[in-house]
Amino acid sequence: MKRRASIRKSSRRHPLWWLVPVTFSLSFVAGGGCAIVIALAQQSSHAESITAEQSENPAVAQVVTPALPALLPNGRPRLFPLPPAQSVWTCEVVVIGGSLGGVAAASHAMKAGATTCLIESAPWLGGQISAQGVSALDESDTLRQTQSFSDSWVGFKRRIEQQRVRLPAWTGLAAERQVADLNSCWVGTLCFLPKAGETAAAALLKESSTHTLGSRWGTATRL
């Protein structure tokens, strides 16, 4: 009598079943990486062929971007897109901004012996005392009463007082006068024309630069 062999399907998974999806994933990643490498190599080869063609055949058309003016219609420097650098300054200390605080920082750095570069985007130095048109020093009553001013600040105010400015004819005064002779306002103890503040700031930097050769500053400039 023949016996029928029965085959039972096992419900248990092979102990290495997990290698199938892992192998597939690794193959996919490796294939993608190879595709990226090949694409980059082709792009590089294409760029080299274009360069070689341009060198062999000068008649190959080239895209030339027209140069934009360095200054905007309002006189401010163009920040985007940046024009090519006209000069490169090398210094130990860089002061960005020629405001009253920036001028003071650059002056002290120069006197300390550091080669200093100051860059101001506006046409004038001085900030509040010149370019902003607020030509009056802002000092608190407490500082005035106690005279708690540094020697450098007192010397800078004296420098402003010594500046000579030209007045319009409608003032009825002499065309050129010293700031100390014109100082009269209710805002502060020292008021003056903006040009006097700008001239005093530039003079301070010029004098301070004698302590360190190579220091430079400029207005209407950009990084």
C-alpha atoms as a PDB file:
ATOM      1  CA  MET A   1       0.000   0.000   0.000  1.00  0.00           C
ATOM      2  CA  LYS A   2       1.411   3.308  -1.093  1.00  0.00           C
ATOM      3  CA  ARG A   3       1.829   6.059   1.404  1.00  0.00           C
ATOM      4  CA  ARG A   4       1.166   9.621   0.443  1.00  0.00           C
ATOM      5  CA  ALA A   5       3.868  11.974   1.458  1.00  0.00           C
ATOM      6  CA  SER A   6       2.490  15.156   2.927  1.00  0.00           C
ATOM      7  CA  ILE A   7       4.464  18.365   2.733  1.00  0.00           C
ATOM      8  CA  ARG A   8       3.721  20.953   5.319  1.00  0.00           C
ATOM      9  CA  LYS A   9       4.523  24.563   4.643  1.00  0.00           C
ATOM     10  CA  SER A  10       6.606  25.991   7.413  1.00  0.00           C
ATOM     11  CA  SER A  11       5.430  29.291   8.876  1.00  0.00           C
ATOM     12  CA  ARG A  12       8.903  30.120  10.165  1.00  0.00           C
ATOM     13  CA  ARG A  13      11.058  32.714   8.268  1.00  0.00           C
ATOM     14  CA  HIS A  14      14.576  32.071   7.240  1.00  0.00           C
ATOM     15  CA  PRO A  15      16.985  33.468   9.871  1.00  0.00           C
ATOM     16  CA  LEU A  16      18.654  35.674   7.226  1.00  0.00           C
ATOM     17  CA  TRP A  17      15.474  37.099   5.688  1.00  0.00           C
ATOM     18  CA  TRP A  18      16.398  40.650   6.716  1.00  0.00           C
ATOM     19  CA  LEU A  19      19.409  40.650   4.366  1.00  0.00           C
ATOM     20  CA  VAL A  20      17.114  40.995   1.351  1.00  0.00           C
ATOM     21  CA  PRO A  21      15.773  44.560   2.023  1.00  0.00           C
ATOM     22  CA  VAL A  22      19.135  45.691   3.395  1.00  0.00           C
ATOM     23  CA  THR A  23      20.950  44.479   0.281  1.00  0.00           C
ATOM     24  CA  PHE A  24      18.370  46.160  -1.925  1.00  0.00           C
ATOM     25  CA  SER A  25      18.727  49.472  -0.032  1.00  0.00           C
ATOM     26  CA  LEU A  26      22.509  49.393  -0.213  1.00  0.00           C
ATOM     27  CA  SER A  27      22.377  48.671  -3.925  1.00  0.00           C
ATOM     28  CA  PHE A  28      20.007  51.614  -4.432  1.00  0.00           C
ATOM     29  CA  VAL A  29      22.243  54.014  -2.492  1.00  0.00           C
ATOM     30  CA  ALA A  30      25.356  52.816  -4.247  1.00  0.00           C
ATOM     31  CA  GLY A  31      23.674  53.174  -7.626  1.00  0.00           C
ATOM     32  CA  GLY A  32      22.550  56.714  -6.811  1.00  0.00           C
ATOM     33  CA  GLY A  33      26.031  57.651  -5.638  1.00  0.00           C
ATOM     34  CA  CYS A  34      27.562  56.290  -8.836  1.00  0.00           C
ATOM     35  CA  ALA A  35      25.045  58.263 -10.884  1.00  0.00           C
ATOM     36  CA  ILE A  36      25.969  61.497  -9.072  1.00  0.00           C
ATOM     37  CA  VAL A  37      29.693  60.891  -9.572  1.00  0.00           C
ATOM     38  CA  ILE A  38      29.172  60.180 -13.270  1.00  0.00           C
ATOM     39  CA  ALA A  39      27.045  63.316 -13.679  1.00  0.00           C
ATOM     40  CA  LEU A  40      29.676  65.483 -11.988  1.00  0.00           C
ATOM     41  CA  ALA A  41      32.401  63.970 -14.136  1.00  0.00           C
ATOM     42  CA  GLN A  42      30.393  64.652 -17.279  1.00  0.00           C
ATOM     43  CA  GLN A  43      29.714  68.226 -16.183  1.00  0.00           C
ATOM     44  CA  SER A  44      33.416  68.814 -15.503  1.00  0.00           C
ATOM     45  CA  SER A  45      34.343  67.278 -18.844  1.00  0.00           C
ATOM     46  CA  HIS A  46      31.774  69.476 -20.582  1.00  0.00           C
ATOM     47  CA  ALA A  47      33.147  72.610 -18.917  1.00  0.00           C
ATOM     48  CA  GLU A  48      36.693  71.646 -19.908  1.00  0.00           C
ATOM     49  CA  SER A  49      35.609  71.064 -23.505  1.00  0.00           C
ATOM     50  CA  ILE A  50      33.951  74.498 -23.615  1.00  0.00           C
ATOM     51  CA  THR A  51      37.105  76.140 -22.218  1.00  0.00           C
ATOM     52  CA  ALA A  52      39.264  74.312 -24.764  1.00  0.00           C
ATOM     53  CA  GLU A  53      36.915  75.307 -27.572  1.00  0.00           C
ATOM     54  CA  GLN A  54      37.021  78.944 -26.513  1.00  0.00           C
ATOM     55  CA  SER A  55      40.822  78.914 -26.396  1.00  0.00           C
ATOM     56  CA  GLU A  56      41.055  77.290 -29.839  1.00  0.00           C
ATOM     57  CA  ASN A  57      38.274  79.324 -31.408  1.00  0.00           C
ATOM     58  CA  PRO A  58      38.065  82.926 -30.113  1.00  0.00           C
ATOM     59  CA  ALA A  59      34.908  83.390 -32.156  1.00  0.00           C
ATOM     60  CA  VAL A  60      32.908  81.292 -29.664  1.00  0.00           C
ATOM     61  CA  ALA A  61      30.237  83.539 -28.149  1.00  0.00           C
ATOM     62  CA  GLN A  62      30.740  84.488 -24.512  1.00  0.00           C
ATOM     63  CA  VAL A  63      28.167  85.978 -22.153  1.00  0.00           C
ATOM     64  CA  VAL A  64      29.453  89.308 -20.839  1.00  0.00           C
ATOM     65  CA  THR A  65      27.700  90.926 -17.874  1.00  0.00           C
ATOM     66  CA  PRO A  66      27.645  94.702 -18.267  1.00  0.00           C
ATOM     67  CA  ALA A  67      29.456  96.582 -15.496  1.00  0.00           C
ATOM     68  CA  LEU A  68      27.174  98.484 -13.148  1.00  0.00           C
ATOM     69  CA  PRO A  69      28.130 101.905 -11.744  1.00  0.00           C
ATOM     70  CA  ALA A  70      29.703 101.797  -8.289  1.00  0.00           C
ATOM     71  CA  LEU A  71      27.305 104.445  -6.966  1.00  0.00           C
ATOM     72  CA  LEU A  72      23.520 104.501  -7.017  1.00  0.00           C
ATOM     73  CA  PRO A  73      21.612 107.521  -8.389  1.00  0.00           C
ATOM     74  CA  ASN A  74      21.241 108.846  -4.818  1.00  0.00           C
ATOM     75  CA  GLY A  75      25.017 108.867  -4.328  1.00  0.00           C
ATOM     76  CA  ARG A  76      25.101 105.837  -2.030  1.00  0.00           C
ATOM     77  CA  PRO A  77      27.481 102.961  -2.853  1.00  0.00           C
ATOM     78  CA  ARG A  78      26.032  99.947  -4.643  1.00  0.00           C
ATOM     79  CA  LEU A  79      25.890  96.953  -2.305  1.00  0.00           C
ATOM     80  CA  PHE A  80      24.399  94.346  -4.655  1.00  0.00           C
ATOM     81  CA  PRO A  81      25.810  93.105  -6.853  1.00  0.00           C
ATOM     82  CA  LEU A  82      29.171  94.144  -5.440  1.00  0.00           C
ATOM     83  CA  PRO A  83      31.557  95.683  -7.979  1.00  0.00           C
ATOM     84  CA  PRO A  84      35.133  94.403  -8.206  1.00  0.00           C
ATOM     85  CA  ALA A  85      37.436  95.598  -5.415  1.00  0.00           C
ATOM     86  CA  GLN A  86      39.322  98.719  -6.428  1.00  0.00           C
ATOM     87  CA  SER A  87      41.940  98.295  -3.705  1.00  0.00           C
ATOM     88  CA  VAL A  88      42.876  95.986  -0.847  1.00  0.00           C
ATOM     89  CA  TRP A  89      43.751  97.409   2.572  1.00  0.00           C
ATOM     90  CA  THR A  90      45.831  95.464   5.092  1.00  0.00           C
ATOM     91  CA  CYS A  91      45.483  96.433   8.737  1.00  0.00           C
ATOM     92  CA  GLU A  92      45.367  95.069  12.278  1.00  0.00           C
ATOM     93  CA  VAL A  93      42.164  96.819  13.374  1.00  0.00           C
ATOM     94  CA  VAL A  94      39.136  97.422  11.141  1.00  0.00           C
ATOM     95  CA  VAL A  95      36.466  99.932  12.159  1.00  0.00           C
ATOM     96  CA  ILE A  96      33.237  99.644  10.186  1.00  0.00           C
ATOM     97  CA  GLY A  97      31.433 102.979  10.306  1.00  0.00           C
ATOM     98  CA  GLY A  98      32.806 106.497  10.598  1.00  0.00           C
ATOM     99  CA  SER A  99      30.320 107.758  13.167  1.00  0.00           C
ATOM    100  CA  LEU A 100      31.479 109.747  16.182  1.00  0.00           C
ATOM    101  CA  GLY A 101      32.054 106.471  18.048  1.00  0.00           C
ATOM    102  CA  GLY A 102      33.815 104.912  15.065  1.00  0.00           C
ATOM    103  CA  VAL A 103      36.159 107.878  14.694  1.00  0.00           C
ATOM    104  CA  ALA A 104      36.955 107.736  18.422  1.00  0.00           C
ATOM    105  CA  ALA A 105      37.636 103.986  18.263  1.00  0.00           C
ATOM    106  CA  ALA A 106      39.930 104.355  15.256  1.00  0.00           C
ATOM    107  CA  SER A 107      41.763 107.267  16.882  1.00  0.00           C
ATOM    108  CA  HIS A 108      42.461 105.329  20.090  1.00  0.00           C
ATOM    109  CA  ALA A 109      43.538 102.238  18.122  1.00  0.00           C
ATOM    110  CA  MET A 110      46.030 104.283  16.107  1.00  0.00           C
ATOM    111  CA  LYS A 111      47.418 105.936  19.241  1.00  0.00           C
ATOM    112  CA  ALA A 112      47.820 102.467  20.777  1.00  0.00           C
ATOM    113  CA  GLY A 113      50.094 101.491  17.893  1.00  0.00           C
ATOM    114  CA  ALA A 114      47.750  99.348  15.804  1.00  0.00           C
ATOM    115  CA  THR A 115      47.544  99.787  12.051  1.00  0.00           C
ATOM    116  CA  THR A 116      43.899 100.798  11.659  1.00  0.00           C
ATOM    117  CA  CYS A 117      41.467 100.990   8.747  1.00  0.00           C
ATOM    118  CA  LEU A 118      38.164 102.848   9.005  1.00  0.00           C
ATOM    119  CA  ILE A 119      35.461 102.485   6.353  1.00  0.00           C
ATOM    120  CA  GLU A 120      32.395 104.736   6.127  1.00  0.00           C
ATOM    121  CA  SER A 121      29.677 104.286   3.488  1.00  0.00           C
ATOM    122  CA  ALA A 122      28.389 107.871   3.806  1.00  0.00           C
ATOM    123  CA  PRO A 123      30.232 110.785   2.178  1.00  0.00           C
ATOM    124  CA  TRP A 124      31.104 112.408   5.545  1.00  0.00           C
ATOM    125  CA  LEU A 125      32.792 111.338   8.765  1.00  0.00           C
ATOM    126  CA  GLY A 126      31.292 112.134  12.150  1.00  0.00           C
ATOM    127  CA  GLY A 127      27.810 110.614  12.087  1.00  0.00           C
ATOM    128  CA  GLN A 128      25.626 112.625  14.455  1.00  0.00           C
ATOM    129  CA  ILE A 129      27.839 115.715  14.385  1.00  0.00           C
ATOM    130  CA  SER A 130      27.991 115.935  10.594  1.00  0.00           C
ATOM    131  CA  ALA A 131      26.190 113.577   8.188  1.00  0.00           C
ATOM    132  CA  GLN A 132      23.043 113.365  10.337  1.00  0.00           C
ATOM    133  CA  GLY A 133      22.806 117.156  10.481  1.00  0.00           C
ATOM    134  CA  VAL A 134      22.401 117.200  14.290  1.00  0.00           C
ATOM    135  CA  SER A 135      25.280 119.556  14.962  1.00  0.00           C
ATOM    136  CA  ALA A 136      25.013 119.753  18.736  1.00  0.00           C
ATOM    137  CA  LEU A 137      26.833 117.617  21.267  1.00  0.00           C
ATOM    138  CA  ASP A 138      24.542 115.575  23.461  1.00  0.00           C
ATOM    139  CA  GLU A 139      25.864 115.724  27.019  1.00  0.00           C
ATOM    140  CA  SER A 140      23.900 115.032  30.209  1.00  0.00           C
ATOM    141  CA  ASP A 141      23.484 117.655  32.936  1.00  0.00           C
ATOM    142  CA  THR A 142      25.243 115.376  35.433  1.00  0.00           C
ATOM    143  CA  LEU A 143      28.350 115.143  33.260  1.00  0.00           C
ATOM    144  CA  ARG A 144      28.390 118.899  32.811  1.00  0.00           C
ATOM    145  CA  GLN A 145      28.015 119.559  36.525  1.00  0.00           C
ATOM    146  CA  THR A 146      30.727 117.108  37.540  1.00  0.00           C
ATOM    147  CA  GLN A 147      32.867 117.715  34.439  1.00  0.00           C
ATOM    148  CA  SER A 148      33.402 113.956  34.178  1.00  0.00           C
ATOM    149  CA  PHE A 149      34.803 114.175  30.675  1.00  0.00           C
ATOM    150  CA  SER A 150      37.857 112.392  29.334  1.00  0.00           C
ATOM    151  CA  ASP A 151      40.795 114.397  28.092  1.00  0.00           C
ATOM    152  CA  SER A 152      40.247 113.104  24.568  1.00  0.00           C
ATOM    153  CA  TRP A 153      36.633 114.332  24.578  1.00  0.00           C
ATOM    154  CA  VAL A 154      37.592 117.772  25.901  1.00  0.00           C
ATOM    155  CA  GLY A 155      40.303 118.014  23.279  1.00  0.00           C
ATOM    156  CA  PHE A 156      37.904 117.036  20.498  1.00  0.00           C
ATOM    157  CA  LYS A 157      35.395 119.723  21.548  1.00  0.00           C
ATOM    158  CA  ARG A 158      38.205 122.254  21.522  1.00  0.00           C
ATOM    159  CA  ARG A 159      39.114 121.094  18.028  1.00  0.00           C
ATOM    160  CA  ILE A 160      35.534 121.730  16.861  1.00  0.00           C
ATOM    161  CA  GLU A 161      35.513 125.201  18.412  1.00  0.00           C
ATOM    162  CA  GLN A 162      38.644 126.097  16.443  1.00  0.00           C
ATOM    163  CA  GLN A 163      37.139 125.184  13.064  1.00  0.00           C
ATOM    164  CA  ARG A 164      36.426 128.013  10.674  1.00  0.00           C
ATOM    165  CA  VAL A 165      33.226 127.881   8.638  1.00  0.00           C
ATOM    166  CA  ARG A 166      31.785 129.943   5.820  1.00  0.00           C
ATOM    167  CA  LEU A 167      28.381 131.521   6.329  1.00  0.00           C
ATOM    168  CA  PRO A 168      25.802 132.527   3.705  1.00  0.00           C
ATOM    169  CA  ALA A 169      25.421 136.212   2.882  1.00  0.00           C
ATOM    170  CA  TRP A 170      21.907 136.448   4.323  1.00  0.00           C
ATOM    171  CA  THR A 171      23.283 136.015   7.871  1.00  0.00           C
ATOM    172  CA  GLY A 172      24.765 139.515   7.768  1.00  0.00           C
ATOM    173  CA  LEU A 173      27.940 138.179   9.395  1.00  0.00           C
ATOM    174  CA  ALA A 174      31.457 137.849   8.088  1.00  0.00           C
ATOM    175  CA  ALA A 175      31.794 135.189   5.427  1.00  0.00           C
ATOM    176  CA  GLU A 176      34.220 133.130   7.512  1.00  0.00           C
ATOM    177  CA  ARG A 177      33.978 132.783  11.274  1.00  0.00           C
ATOM    178  CA  GLN A 178      35.270 130.496  13.991  1.00  0.00           C
ATOM    179  CA  VAL A 179      32.846 128.043  15.570  1.00  0.00           C
ATOM    180  CA  ALA A 180      33.600 129.400  19.045  1.00  0.00           C
ATOM    181  CA  ASP A 181      32.300 132.824  17.915  1.00  0.00           C
ATOM    182  CA  LEU A 182      29.056 131.335  16.571  1.00  0.00           C
ATOM    183  CA  ASN A 183      28.248 128.902  19.375  1.00  0.00           C
ATOM    184  CA  SER A 184      24.742 129.862  20.492  1.00  0.00           C
ATOM    185  CA  CYS A 185      21.869 127.393  20.806  1.00  0.00           C
ATOM    186  CA  TRP A 186      19.593 125.915  23.459  1.00  0.00           C
ATOM    187  CA  VAL A 187      20.240 122.269  22.565  1.00  0.00           C
ATOM    188  CA  GLY A 188      23.708 122.039  24.117  1.00  0.00           C
ATOM    189  CA  THR A 189      26.801 123.924  25.123  1.00  0.00           C
ATOM    190  CA  LEU A 190      28.409 123.492  21.712  1.00  0.00           C
ATOM    191  CA  CYS A 191      26.532 123.915  18.437  1.00  0.00           C
ATOM    192  CA  PHE A 192      28.121 124.235  15.018  1.00  0.00           C
ATOM    193  CA  LEU A 193      27.658 123.678  11.300  1.00  0.00           C
ATOM    194  CA  PRO A 194      27.868 120.055  10.082  1.00  0.00           C
ATOM    195  CA  LYS A 195      30.941 120.795   7.988  1.00  0.00           C
ATOM    196  CA  ALA A 196      32.839 121.821  11.123  1.00  0.00           C
ATOM    197  CA  GLY A 197      32.131 118.454  12.719  1.00  0.00           C
ATOM    198  CA  GLU A 198      33.249 116.538   9.627  1.00  0.00           C
ATOM    199  CA  THR A 199      36.439 118.581   9.338  1.00  0.00           C
ATOM    200  CA  ALA A 200      37.264 118.080  13.020  1.00  0.00           C
ATOM    201  CA  ALA A 201      36.722 114.294  12.743  1.00  0.00           C
ATOM    202  CA  ALA A 202      39.004 114.050   9.708  1.00  0.00           C
ATOM    203  CA  ALA A 203      41.652 116.182  11.438  1.00  0.00           C
ATOM    204  CA  LEU A 204      41.558 113.902  14.495  1.00  0.00           C
ATOM    205  CA  LEU A 205      42.179 110.815  12.370  1.00  0.00           C
ATOM    206  CA  LYS A 206      44.999 112.521  10.501  1.00  0.00           C
ATOM    207  CA  GLU A 207      46.728 113.484  13.726  1.00  0.00           C
ATOM    208  CA  SER A 208      46.222 110.033  15.292  1.00  0.00           C
ATOM    209  CA  SER A 209      47.597 108.278  12.200  1.00  0.00           C
ATOM    210  CA  THR A 210      51.026 109.777  12.856  1.00  0.00           C
ATOM    211  CA  HIS A 211      51.395 107.254  15.699  1.00  0.00           C
ATOM    212  CA  THR A 212      51.018 104.287  13.324  1.00  0.00           C
ATOM    213  CA  LEU A 213      52.159 104.274   9.725  1.00  0.00           C
ATOM    214  CA  GLY A 214      49.873 102.513   7.263  1.00  0.00           C
ATOM    215  CA  SER A 215      46.566 103.469   8.891  1.00  0.00           C
ATOM    216  CA  ARG A 216      43.885 104.510   6.409  1.00  0.00           C
ATOM    217  CA  TRP A 217      40.292 105.677   6.295  1.00  0.00           C
ATOM    218  CA  GLY A 218      37.800 106.507   3.589  1.00  0.00           C
ATOM    219  CA  THR A 219      34.259 107.709   3.021  1.00  0.00           C
ATOM    220  CA  ALA A 220      31.719 106.568   0.419  1.00  0.00           C
ATOM    221  CA  THR A 221      33.396 103.177   0.547  1.00  0.00           C
ATOM    222  CA  ARG A 222      32.120  99.629   0.942  1.00  0.00           C
ATOM    223  CA  LEU A 223      33.488  96.235   1.879  1.00  0.00           C
END
